Amino acid sequence: MYAIVTTGGKQYKVEKDTIIKVEKLDVNVGDNITLDVMLISDNGTVKVGKDIDKAVVKAEVLAQDKAKKINIFKYKAKKNIRKRQGHRQPFTAIKITSIEA
């Protein structure tokens, strides 16, 4: 059984006990959250729309962290123009605890 959930403007395919990194959520570590369900597939039968009005995907927040640093380096050849910038995207790691159809 798997589900397609939406969070942070993105869609994720999840199964029970999977750990995913999603866009940063305003929750504390250890909290339980519910995710918006778009689709549920159970042994080949797919449920969407009104069939999943009561469907719930529950998850536990494992960590609030930042991803690995990305270095952005821009330059113009022969002009002595150089610009260095770094970025670390914040994320929330969650573990799917249950999928209820």
PDB file of N, CA and C in Angstrom:
ATOM      1  N   MET A   1       0.846  -1.172   0.000  1.00  0.00           N
ATOM      2  CA  MET A   1       0.000   0.000   0.000  1.00  0.00           C
ATOM      3  C   MET A   1       0.892   1.236   0.000  1.00  0.00           C
ATOM      4  N   TYR A   2       0.566   2.172  -0.895  1.00  0.00           N
ATOM      5  CA  TYR A   2       1.285   3.437  -0.912  1.00  0.00           C
ATOM      6  C   TYR A   2       0.298   4.571  -1.148  1.00  0.00           C
ATOM      7  N   ALA A   3       0.769   5.791  -0.891  1.00  0.00           N
ATOM      8  CA  ALA A   3      -0.064   6.969  -1.069  1.00  0.00           C
ATOM      9  C   ALA A   3       0.761   8.078  -1.700  1.00  0.00           C
ATOM     10  N   ILE A   4       0.091   8.971  -2.387  1.00  0.00           N
ATOM     11  CA  ILE A   4       0.708  10.186  -2.899  1.00  0.00           C
ATOM     12  C   ILE A   4       0.209  11.324  -2.010  1.00  0.00           C
ATOM     13  N   VAL A   5       1.129  12.014  -1.349  1.00  0.00           N
ATOM     14  CA  VAL A   5       0.772  13.100  -0.451  1.00  0.00           C
ATOM     15  C   VAL A   5       1.357  14.410  -0.960  1.00  0.00           C
ATOM     16  N   THR A   6       0.756  15.514  -0.533  1.00  0.00           N
ATOM     17  CA  THR A   6       1.209  16.841  -0.928  1.00  0.00           C
ATOM     18  C   THR A   6       1.634  17.622   0.304  1.00  0.00           C
ATOM     19  N   THR A   7       2.808  18.235   0.241  1.00  0.00           N
ATOM     20  CA  THR A   7       3.266  19.142   1.279  1.00  0.00           C
ATOM     21  C   THR A   7       4.333  20.050   0.691  1.00  0.00           C
ATOM     22  N   GLY A   8       4.274  21.303   1.052  1.00  0.00           N
ATOM     23  CA  GLY A   8       5.262  22.258   0.569  1.00  0.00           C
ATOM     24  C   GLY A   8       5.217  22.482  -0.929  1.00  0.00           C
ATOM     25  N   GLY A   9       4.054  22.274  -1.552  1.00  0.00           N
ATOM     26  CA  GLY A   9       3.923  22.475  -2.981  1.00  0.00           C
ATOM     27  C   GLY A   9       4.488  21.347  -3.814  1.00  0.00           C
ATOM     28  N   LYS A  10       4.862  20.240  -3.181  1.00  0.00           N
ATOM     29  CA  LYS A  10       5.427  19.100  -3.890  1.00  0.00           C
ATOM     30  C   LYS A  10       4.636  17.847  -3.544  1.00  0.00           C
ATOM     31  N   GLN A  11       4.767  16.836  -4.392  1.00  0.00           N
ATOM     32  CA  GLN A  11       4.084  15.568  -4.170  1.00  0.00           C
ATOM     33  C   GLN A  11       5.112  14.482  -3.903  1.00  0.00           C
ATOM     34  N   TYR A  12       4.795  13.587  -2.973  1.00  0.00           N
ATOM     35  CA  TYR A  12       5.696  12.520  -2.586  1.00  0.00           C
ATOM     36  C   TYR A  12       4.953  11.191  -2.578  1.00  0.00           C
ATOM     37  N   LYS A  13       5.612  10.149  -3.066  1.00  0.00           N
ATOM     38  CA  LYS A  13       5.067   8.793  -2.978  1.00  0.00           C
ATOM     39  C   LYS A  13       5.602   8.195  -1.689  1.00  0.00           C
ATOM     40  N   VAL A  14       4.718   7.794  -0.784  1.00  0.00           N
ATOM     41  CA  VAL A  14       5.139   7.304   0.524  1.00  0.00           C
ATOM     42  C   VAL A  14       4.510   5.950   0.823  1.00  0.00           C
ATOM     43  N   GLU A  15       5.228   5.174   1.596  1.00  0.00           N
ATOM     44  CA  GLU A  15       4.744   3.917   2.156  1.00  0.00           C
ATOM     45  C   GLU A  15       4.978   3.973   3.654  1.00  0.00           C
ATOM     46  N   LYS A  16       4.430   3.006   4.362  1.00  0.00           N
ATOM     47  CA  LYS A  16       4.610   2.968   5.811  1.00  0.00           C
ATOM     48  C   LYS A  16       6.091   2.802   6.139  1.00  0.00           C
ATOM     49  N   ASP A  17       6.557   3.510   7.155  1.00  0.00           N
ATOM     50  CA  ASP A  17       7.928   3.479   7.671  1.00  0.00           C
ATOM     51  C   ASP A  17       8.972   4.084   6.730  1.00  0.00           C
ATOM     52  N   THR A  18       8.559   4.850   5.724  1.00  0.00           N
ATOM     53  CA  THR A  18       9.548   5.543   4.898  1.00  0.00           C
ATOM     54  C   THR A  18       9.866   6.900   5.520  1.00  0.00           C
ATOM     55  N   ILE A  19      11.103   7.332   5.321  1.00  0.00           N
ATOM     56  CA  ILE A  19      11.556   8.624   5.819  1.00  0.00           C
ATOM     57  C   ILE A  19      11.773   9.532   4.614  1.00  0.00           C
ATOM     58  N   ILE A  20      11.131  10.701   4.632  1.00  0.00           N
ATOM     59  CA  ILE A  20      11.297  11.642   3.528  1.00  0.00           C
ATOM     60  C   ILE A  20      11.692  13.013   4.081  1.00  0.00           C
ATOM     61  N   LYS A  21      12.359  13.781   3.237  1.00  0.00           N
ATOM     62  CA  LYS A  21      12.729  15.151   3.586  1.00  0.00           C
ATOM     63  C   LYS A  21      11.817  16.080   2.791  1.00  0.00           C
ATOM     64  N   VAL A  22      11.044  16.895   3.503  1.00  0.00           N
ATOM     65  CA  VAL A  22      10.100  17.803   2.871  1.00  0.00           C
ATOM     66  C   VAL A  22      10.513  19.238   3.165  1.00  0.00           C
ATOM     67  N   GLU A  23       9.871  20.184   2.478  1.00  0.00           N
ATOM     68  CA  GLU A  23      10.126  21.590   2.755  1.00  0.00           C
ATOM     69  C   GLU A  23       9.846  21.871   4.230  1.00  0.00           C
ATOM     70  N   LYS A  24      10.562  22.815   4.796  1.00  0.00           N
ATOM     71  CA  LYS A  24      10.489  23.096   6.224  1.00  0.00           C
ATOM     72  C   LYS A  24       9.053  23.351   6.683  1.00  0.00           C
ATOM     73  N   LEU A  25       8.659  22.639   7.734  1.00  0.00           N
ATOM     74  CA  LEU A  25       7.345  22.788   8.355  1.00  0.00           C
ATOM     75  C   LEU A  25       7.502  23.440   9.718  1.00  0.00           C
ATOM     76  N   ASP A  26       6.518  24.177  10.151  1.00  0.00           N
ATOM     77  CA  ASP A  26       6.563  24.863  11.441  1.00  0.00           C
ATOM     78  C   ASP A  26       6.032  23.935  12.532  1.00  0.00           C
ATOM     79  N   VAL A  27       6.793  22.881  12.835  1.00  0.00           N
ATOM     80  CA  VAL A  27       6.438  21.904  13.867  1.00  0.00           C
ATOM     81  C   VAL A  27       7.688  21.575  14.673  1.00  0.00           C
ATOM     82  N   ASN A  28       7.485  20.971  15.827  1.00  0.00           N
ATOM     83  CA  ASN A  28       8.607  20.585  16.679  1.00  0.00           C
ATOM     84  C   ASN A  28       8.986  19.130  16.445  1.00  0.00           C
ATOM     85  N   VAL A  29      10.229  18.798  16.775  1.00  0.00           N
ATOM     86  CA  VAL A  29      10.696  17.418  16.650  1.00  0.00           C
ATOM     87  C   VAL A  29       9.909  16.543  17.621  1.00  0.00           C
ATOM     88  N   GLY A  30       9.415  15.402  17.133  1.00  0.00           N
ATOM     89  CA  GLY A  30       8.625  14.494  17.951  1.00  0.00           C
ATOM     90  C   GLY A  30       7.125  14.653  17.774  1.00  0.00           C
ATOM     91  N   ASP A  31       6.696  15.751  17.140  1.00  0.00           N
ATOM     92  CA  ASP A  31       5.267  15.958  16.907  1.00  0.00           C
ATOM     93  C   ASP A  31       4.744  14.982  15.854  1.00  0.00           C
ATOM     94  N   ASN A  32       3.448  14.704  15.928  1.00  0.00           N
ATOM     95  CA  ASN A  32       2.771  13.902  14.911  1.00  0.00           C
ATOM     96  C   ASN A  32       1.957  14.842  14.035  1.00  0.00           C
ATOM     97  N   ILE A  33       2.030  14.623  12.716  1.00  0.00           N
ATOM     98  CA  ILE A  33       1.319  15.480  11.772  1.00  0.00           C
ATOM     99  C   ILE A  33       0.510  14.613  10.819  1.00  0.00           C
ATOM    100  N   THR A  34      -0.468  15.223  10.162  1.00  0.00           N
ATOM    101  CA  THR A  34      -1.216  14.537   9.112  1.00  0.00           C
ATOM    102  C   THR A  34      -0.933  15.256   7.800  1.00  0.00           C
ATOM    103  N   LEU A  35      -0.860  14.506   6.717  1.00  0.00           N
ATOM    104  CA  LEU A  35      -0.527  15.046   5.410  1.00  0.00           C
ATOM    105  C   LEU A  35      -1.738  14.977   4.488  1.00  0.00           C
ATOM    106  N   ASP A  36      -1.793  15.887   3.518  1.00  0.00           N
ATOM    107  CA  ASP A  36      -2.872  15.898   2.527  1.00  0.00           C
ATOM    108  C   ASP A  36      -2.693  14.735   1.564  1.00  0.00           C
ATOM    109  N   VAL A  37      -3.751  13.937   1.386  1.00  0.00           N
ATOM    110  CA  VAL A  37      -3.687  12.742   0.542  1.00  0.00           C
ATOM    111  C   VAL A  37      -4.286  13.060  -0.827  1.00  0.00           C
ATOM    112  N   MET A  38      -3.587  12.669  -1.887  1.00  0.00           N
ATOM    113  CA  MET A  38      -4.104  12.852  -3.247  1.00  0.00           C
ATOM    114  C   MET A  38      -4.534  11.540  -3.874  1.00  0.00           C
ATOM    115  N   LEU A  39      -3.846  10.444  -3.517  1.00  0.00           N
ATOM    116  CA  LEU A  39      -4.111   9.148  -4.137  1.00  0.00           C
ATOM    117  C   LEU A  39      -3.694   8.061  -3.171  1.00  0.00           C
ATOM    118  N   ILE A  40      -4.437   6.964  -3.180  1.00  0.00           N
ATOM    119  CA  ILE A  40      -4.052   5.778  -2.402  1.00  0.00           C
ATOM    120  C   ILE A  40      -4.163   4.563  -3.311  1.00  0.00           C
ATOM    121  N   SER A  41      -3.125   3.740  -3.293  1.00  0.00           N
ATOM    122  CA  SER A  41      -3.137   2.496  -4.056  1.00  0.00           C
ATOM    123  C   SER A  41      -2.983   1.342  -3.071  1.00  0.00           C
ATOM    124  N   ASP A  42      -3.939   0.418  -3.110  1.00  0.00           N
ATOM    125  CA  ASP A  42      -3.933  -0.725  -2.206  1.00  0.00           C
ATOM    126  C   ASP A  42      -4.107  -1.997  -3.036  1.00  0.00           C
ATOM    127  N   ASN A  43      -3.037  -2.749  -3.199  1.00  0.00           N
ATOM    128  CA  ASN A  43      -3.038  -4.000  -3.967  1.00  0.00           C
ATOM    129  C   ASN A  43      -3.592  -3.812  -5.380  1.00  0.00           C
ATOM    130  N   GLY A  44      -3.182  -2.746  -6.043  1.00  0.00           N
ATOM    131  CA  GLY A  44      -3.591  -2.524  -7.426  1.00  0.00           C
ATOM    132  C   GLY A  44      -4.852  -1.713  -7.601  1.00  0.00           C
ATOM    133  N   THR A  45      -5.641  -1.506  -6.540  1.00  0.00           N
ATOM    134  CA  THR A  45      -6.831  -0.678  -6.655  1.00  0.00           C
ATOM    135  C   THR A  45      -6.458   0.761  -6.278  1.00  0.00           C
ATOM    136  N   VAL A  46      -6.769   1.683  -7.167  1.00  0.00           N
ATOM    137  CA  VAL A  46      -6.403   3.078  -6.970  1.00  0.00           C
ATOM    138  C   VAL A  46      -7.633   3.862  -6.550  1.00  0.00           C
ATOM    139  N   LYS A  47      -7.471   4.678  -5.512  1.00  0.00           N
ATOM    140  CA  LYS A  47      -8.577   5.505  -5.019  1.00  0.00           C
ATOM    141  C   LYS A  47      -8.155   6.969  -5.111  1.00  0.00           C
ATOM    142  N   VAL A  48      -9.008   7.789  -5.738  1.00  0.00           N
ATOM    143  CA  VAL A  48      -8.773   9.225  -5.845  1.00  0.00           C
ATOM    144  C   VAL A  48     -10.099   9.955  -5.667  1.00  0.00           C
ATOM    145  N   GLY A  49     -10.038  11.269  -5.538  1.00  0.00           N
ATOM    146  CA  GLY A  49     -11.253  12.088  -5.462  1.00  0.00           C
ATOM    147  C   GLY A  49     -12.058  11.849  -4.199  1.00  0.00           C
ATOM    148  N   LYS A  50     -13.355  11.595  -4.365  1.00  0.00           N
ATOM    149  CA  LYS A  50     -14.236  11.423  -3.209  1.00  0.00           C
ATOM    150  C   LYS A  50     -13.996  10.106  -2.474  1.00  0.00           C
ATOM    151  N   ASP A  51     -13.316   9.168  -3.126  1.00  0.00           N
ATOM    152  CA  ASP A  51     -13.021   7.888  -2.463  1.00  0.00           C
ATOM    153  C   ASP A  51     -12.047   8.046  -1.307  1.00  0.00           C
ATOM    154  N   ILE A  52     -11.276   9.132  -1.291  1.00  0.00           N
ATOM    155  CA  ILE A  52     -10.251   9.296  -0.245  1.00  0.00           C
ATOM    156  C   ILE A  52     -10.561  10.459   0.687  1.00  0.00           C
ATOM    157  N   ASP A  53     -11.825  10.856   0.802  1.00  0.00           N
ATOM    158  CA  ASP A  53     -12.182  11.951   1.703  1.00  0.00           C
ATOM    159  C   ASP A  53     -11.800  11.638   3.148  1.00  0.00           C
ATOM    160  N   LYS A  54     -11.902  10.378   3.544  1.00  0.00           N
ATOM    161  CA  LYS A  54     -11.609   9.993   4.924  1.00  0.00           C
ATOM    162  C   LYS A  54     -10.198   9.423   5.079  1.00  0.00           C
ATOM    163  N   ALA A  55      -9.416   9.425   4.022  1.00  0.00           N
ATOM    164  CA  ALA A  55      -8.063   8.872   4.077  1.00  0.00           C
ATOM    165  C   ALA A  55      -7.149   9.792   4.869  1.00  0.00           C
ATOM    166  N   VAL A  56      -6.264   9.175   5.651  1.00  0.00           N
ATOM    167  CA  VAL A  56      -5.341   9.926   6.503  1.00  0.00           C
ATOM    168  C   VAL A  56      -3.960   9.300   6.410  1.00  0.00           C
ATOM    169  N   VAL A  57      -2.957  10.149   6.220  1.00  0.00           N
ATOM    170  CA  VAL A  57      -1.568   9.705   6.293  1.00  0.00           C
ATOM    171  C   VAL A  57      -0.946  10.429   7.478  1.00  0.00           C
ATOM    172  N   LYS A  58      -0.507   9.667   8.474  1.00  0.00           N
ATOM    173  CA  LYS A  58       0.086  10.234   9.681  1.00  0.00           C
ATOM    174  C   LYS A  58       1.598  10.076   9.629  1.00  0.00           C
ATOM    175  N   ALA A  59       2.298  11.093  10.143  1.00  0.00           N
ATOM    176  CA  ALA A  59       3.756  11.071  10.129  1.00  0.00           C
ATOM    177  C   ALA A  59       4.291  11.650  11.432  1.00  0.00           C
ATOM    178  N   GLU A  60       5.514  11.251  11.763  1.00  0.00           N
ATOM    179  CA  GLU A  60       6.193  11.753  12.946  1.00  0.00           C
ATOM    180  C   GLU A  60       7.394  12.579  12.495  1.00  0.00           C
ATOM    181  N   VAL A  61       7.590  13.732  13.121  1.00  0.00           N
ATOM    182  CA  VAL A  61       8.702  14.614  12.764  1.00  0.00           C
ATOM    183  C   VAL A  61       9.975  14.096  13.438  1.00  0.00           C
ATOM    184  N   LEU A  62      10.989  13.802  12.620  1.00  0.00           N
ATOM    185  CA  LEU A  62      12.253  13.281  13.136  1.00  0.00           C
ATOM    186  C   LEU A  62      13.290  14.369  13.353  1.00  0.00           C
ATOM    187  N   ALA A  63      13.370  15.350  12.441  1.00  0.00           N
ATOM    188  CA  ALA A  63      14.423  16.360  12.545  1.00  0.00           C
ATOM    189  C   ALA A  63      14.055  17.619  11.785  1.00  0.00           C
ATOM    190  N   GLN A  64      14.618  18.729  12.239  1.00  0.00           N
ATOM    191  CA  GLN A  64      14.581  20.011  11.523  1.00  0.00           C
ATOM    192  C   GLN A  64      16.044  20.327  11.236  1.00  0.00           C
ATOM    193  N   ASP A  65      16.419  20.418   9.982  1.00  0.00           N
ATOM    194  CA  ASP A  65      17.830  20.564   9.653  1.00  0.00           C
ATOM    195  C   ASP A  65      17.996  21.366   8.372  1.00  0.00           C
ATOM    196  N   LYS A  66      19.255  21.507   7.943  1.00  0.00           N
ATOM    197  CA  LYS A  66      19.566  22.160   6.676  1.00  0.00           C
ATOM    198  C   LYS A  66      20.310  21.179   5.787  1.00  0.00           C
ATOM    199  N   ALA A  67      20.084  21.283   4.489  1.00  0.00           N
ATOM    200  CA  ALA A  67      20.735  20.390   3.533  1.00  0.00           C
ATOM    201  C   ALA A  67      22.198  20.789   3.357  1.00  0.00           C
ATOM    202  N   LYS A  68      22.907  19.990   2.591  1.00  0.00           N
ATOM    203  CA  LYS A  68      24.306  20.254   2.307  1.00  0.00           C
ATOM    204  C   LYS A  68      24.440  21.586   1.565  1.00  0.00           C
ATOM    205  N   LYS A  69      25.542  22.299   1.819  1.00  0.00           N
ATOM    206  CA  LYS A  69      25.745  23.613   1.212  1.00  0.00           C
ATOM    207  C   LYS A  69      25.969  23.509  -0.290  1.00  0.00           C
ATOM    208  N   ILE A  70      25.322  24.405  -1.004  1.00  0.00           N
ATOM    209  CA  ILE A  70      25.507  24.531  -2.447  1.00  0.00           C
ATOM    210  C   ILE A  70      26.272  25.827  -2.684  1.00  0.00           C
ATOM    211  N   ASN A  71      27.377  25.747  -3.412  1.00  0.00           N
ATOM    212  CA  ASN A  71      28.160  26.934  -3.726  1.00  0.00           C
ATOM    213  C   ASN A  71      27.774  27.447  -5.102  1.00  0.00           C
ATOM    214  N   ILE A  72      27.458  28.737  -5.149  1.00  0.00           N
ATOM    215  CA  ILE A  72      27.144  29.399  -6.405  1.00  0.00           C
ATOM    216  C   ILE A  72      28.291  30.350  -6.693  1.00  0.00           C
ATOM    217  N   PHE A  73      28.927  30.169  -7.834  1.00  0.00           N
ATOM    218  CA  PHE A  73      30.059  31.019  -8.200  1.00  0.00           C
ATOM    219  C   PHE A  73      29.822  31.559  -9.594  1.00  0.00           C
ATOM    220  N   LYS A  74      29.739  32.878  -9.692  1.00  0.00           N
ATOM    221  CA  LYS A  74      29.528  33.527 -10.978  1.00  0.00           C
ATOM    222  C   LYS A  74      30.745  34.387 -11.283  1.00  0.00           C
ATOM    223  N   TYR A  75      31.136  34.394 -12.532  1.00  0.00           N
ATOM    224  CA  TYR A  75      32.247  35.250 -12.924  1.00  0.00           C
ATOM    225  C   TYR A  75      32.093  35.641 -14.383  1.00  0.00           C
ATOM    226  N   LYS A  76      32.769  36.714 -14.743  1.00  0.00           N
ATOM    227  CA  LYS A  76      32.828  37.152 -16.130  1.00  0.00           C
ATOM    228  C   LYS A  76      34.282  37.076 -16.564  1.00  0.00           C
ATOM    229  N   ALA A  77      34.515  36.348 -17.612  1.00  0.00           N
ATOM    230  CA  ALA A  77      35.881  36.140 -18.085  1.00  0.00           C
ATOM    231  C   ALA A  77      36.529  37.463 -18.497  1.00  0.00           C
ATOM    232  N   LYS A  78      37.759  37.598 -18.137  1.00  0.00           N
ATOM    233  CA  LYS A  78      38.607  38.745 -18.524  1.00  0.00           C
ATOM    234  C   LYS A  78      38.126  40.074 -17.950  1.00  0.00           C
ATOM    235  N   LYS A  79      37.242  40.062 -16.965  1.00  0.00           N
ATOM    236  CA  LYS A  79      36.716  41.312 -16.405  1.00  0.00           C
ATOM    237  C   LYS A  79      37.016  41.471 -14.919  1.00  0.00           C
ATOM    238  N   ASN A  80      37.626  40.469 -14.293  1.00  0.00           N
ATOM    239  CA  ASN A  80      37.928  40.482 -12.854  1.00  0.00           C
ATOM    240  C   ASN A  80      36.654  40.670 -12.017  1.00  0.00           C
ATOM    241  N   ILE A  81      35.554  40.083 -12.478  1.00  0.00           N
ATOM    242  CA  ILE A  81      34.291  40.121 -11.741  1.00  0.00           C
ATOM    243  C   ILE A  81      34.003  38.711 -11.248  1.00  0.00           C
ATOM    244  N   ARG A  82      33.937  38.578  -9.923  1.00  0.00           N
ATOM    245  CA  ARG A  82      33.674  37.269  -9.320  1.00  0.00           C
ATOM    246  C   ARG A  82      32.680  37.440  -8.173  1.00  0.00           C
ATOM    247  N   LYS A  83      31.717  36.545  -8.101  1.00  0.00           N
ATOM    248  CA  LYS A  83      30.715  36.608  -7.038  1.00  0.00           C
ATOM    249  C   LYS A  83      30.512  35.199  -6.496  1.00  0.00           C
ATOM    250  N   ARG A  84      30.714  35.025  -5.192  1.00  0.00           N
ATOM    251  CA  ARG A  84      30.539  33.733  -4.559  1.00  0.00           C
ATOM    252  C   ARG A  84      29.379  33.820  -3.574  1.00  0.00           C
ATOM    253  N   GLN A  85      28.509  32.829  -3.640  1.00  0.00           N
ATOM    254  CA  GLN A  85      27.360  32.804  -2.751  1.00  0.00           C
ATOM    255  C   GLN A  85      27.085  31.360  -2.379  1.00  0.00           C
ATOM    256  N   GLY A  86      26.656  31.117  -1.145  1.00  0.00           N
ATOM    257  CA  GLY A  86      26.322  29.771  -0.697  1.00  0.00           C
ATOM    258  C   GLY A  86      24.870  29.714  -0.242  1.00  0.00           C
ATOM    259  N   HIS A  87      24.317  28.506  -0.228  1.00  0.00           N
ATOM    260  CA  HIS A  87      22.931  28.338   0.198  1.00  0.00           C
ATOM    261  C   HIS A  87      22.760  26.971   0.843  1.00  0.00           C
ATOM    262  N   ARG A  88      22.047  26.934   1.967  1.00  0.00           N
ATOM    263  CA  ARG A  88      21.663  25.687   2.622  1.00  0.00           C
ATOM    264  C   ARG A  88      20.152  25.696   2.782  1.00  0.00           C
ATOM    265  N   GLN A  89      19.478  24.805   2.075  1.00  0.00           N
ATOM    266  CA  GLN A  89      18.009  24.753   2.095  1.00  0.00           C
ATOM    267  C   GLN A  89      17.540  24.063   3.374  1.00  0.00           C
ATOM    268  N   PRO A  90      16.675  24.702   4.169  1.00  0.00           N
ATOM    269  CA  PRO A  90      16.141  24.032   5.355  1.00  0.00           C
ATOM    270  C   PRO A  90      15.115  22.968   4.960  1.00  0.00           C
ATOM    271  N   PHE A  91      15.054  21.890   5.752  1.00  0.00           N
ATOM    272  CA  PHE A  91      14.088  20.825   5.499  1.00  0.00           C
ATOM    273  C   PHE A  91      13.612  20.227   6.809  1.00  0.00           C
ATOM    274  N   THR A  92      12.536  19.460   6.719  1.00  0.00           N
ATOM    275  CA  THR A  92      11.999  18.702   7.846  1.00  0.00           C
ATOM    276  C   THR A  92      11.996  17.230   7.454  1.00  0.00           C
ATOM    277  N   ALA A  93      12.624  16.388   8.252  1.00  0.00           N
ATOM    278  CA  ALA A  93      12.632  14.947   8.006  1.00  0.00           C
ATOM    279  C   ALA A  93      11.455  14.331   8.756  1.00  0.00           C
ATOM    280  N   ILE A  94      10.618  13.588   8.021  1.00  0.00           N
ATOM    281  CA  ILE A  94       9.455  12.953   8.645  1.00  0.00           C
ATOM    282  C   ILE A  94       9.438  11.462   8.308  1.00  0.00           C
ATOM    283  N   LYS A  95       8.846  10.699   9.238  1.00  0.00           N
ATOM    284  CA  LYS A  95       8.693   9.246   9.047  1.00  0.00           C
ATOM    285  C   LYS A  95       7.200   8.942   9.000  1.00  0.00           C
ATOM    286  N   ILE A  96       6.783   8.238   7.959  1.00  0.00           N
ATOM    287  CA  ILE A  96       5.374   7.883   7.791  1.00  0.00           C
ATOM    288  C   ILE A  96       5.042   6.754   8.767  1.00  0.00           C
ATOM    289  N   THR A  97       4.081   7.015   9.652  1.00  0.00           N
ATOM    290  CA  THR A  97       3.739   6.003  10.652  1.00  0.00           C
ATOM    291  C   THR A  97       2.541   5.163  10.245  1.00  0.00           C
ATOM    292  N   SER A  98       1.566   5.754   9.521  1.00  0.00           N
ATOM    293  CA  SER A  98       0.419   4.959   9.108  1.00  0.00           C
ATOM    294  C   SER A  98      -0.283   5.586   7.904  1.00  0.00           C
ATOM    295  N   ILE A  99      -0.880   4.696   7.100  1.00  0.00           N
ATOM    296  CA  ILE A  99      -1.724   5.113   5.971  1.00  0.00           C
ATOM    297  C   ILE A  99      -3.075   4.447   6.177  1.00  0.00           C
ATOM    298  N   GLU A 100      -4.103   5.261   6.367  1.00  0.00           N
ATOM    299  CA  GLU A 100      -5.444   4.730   6.635  1.00  0.00           C
ATOM    300  C   GLU A 100      -6.371   5.166   5.499  1.00  0.00           C
ATOM    301  N   ALA A 101      -6.958   4.191   4.835  1.00  0.00           N
ATOM    302  CA  ALA A 101      -7.815   4.522   3.693  1.00  0.00           C
ATOM    303  C   ALA A 101      -9.244   4.706   4.091  1.00  0.00           C
TER     304      ALA A 101
END
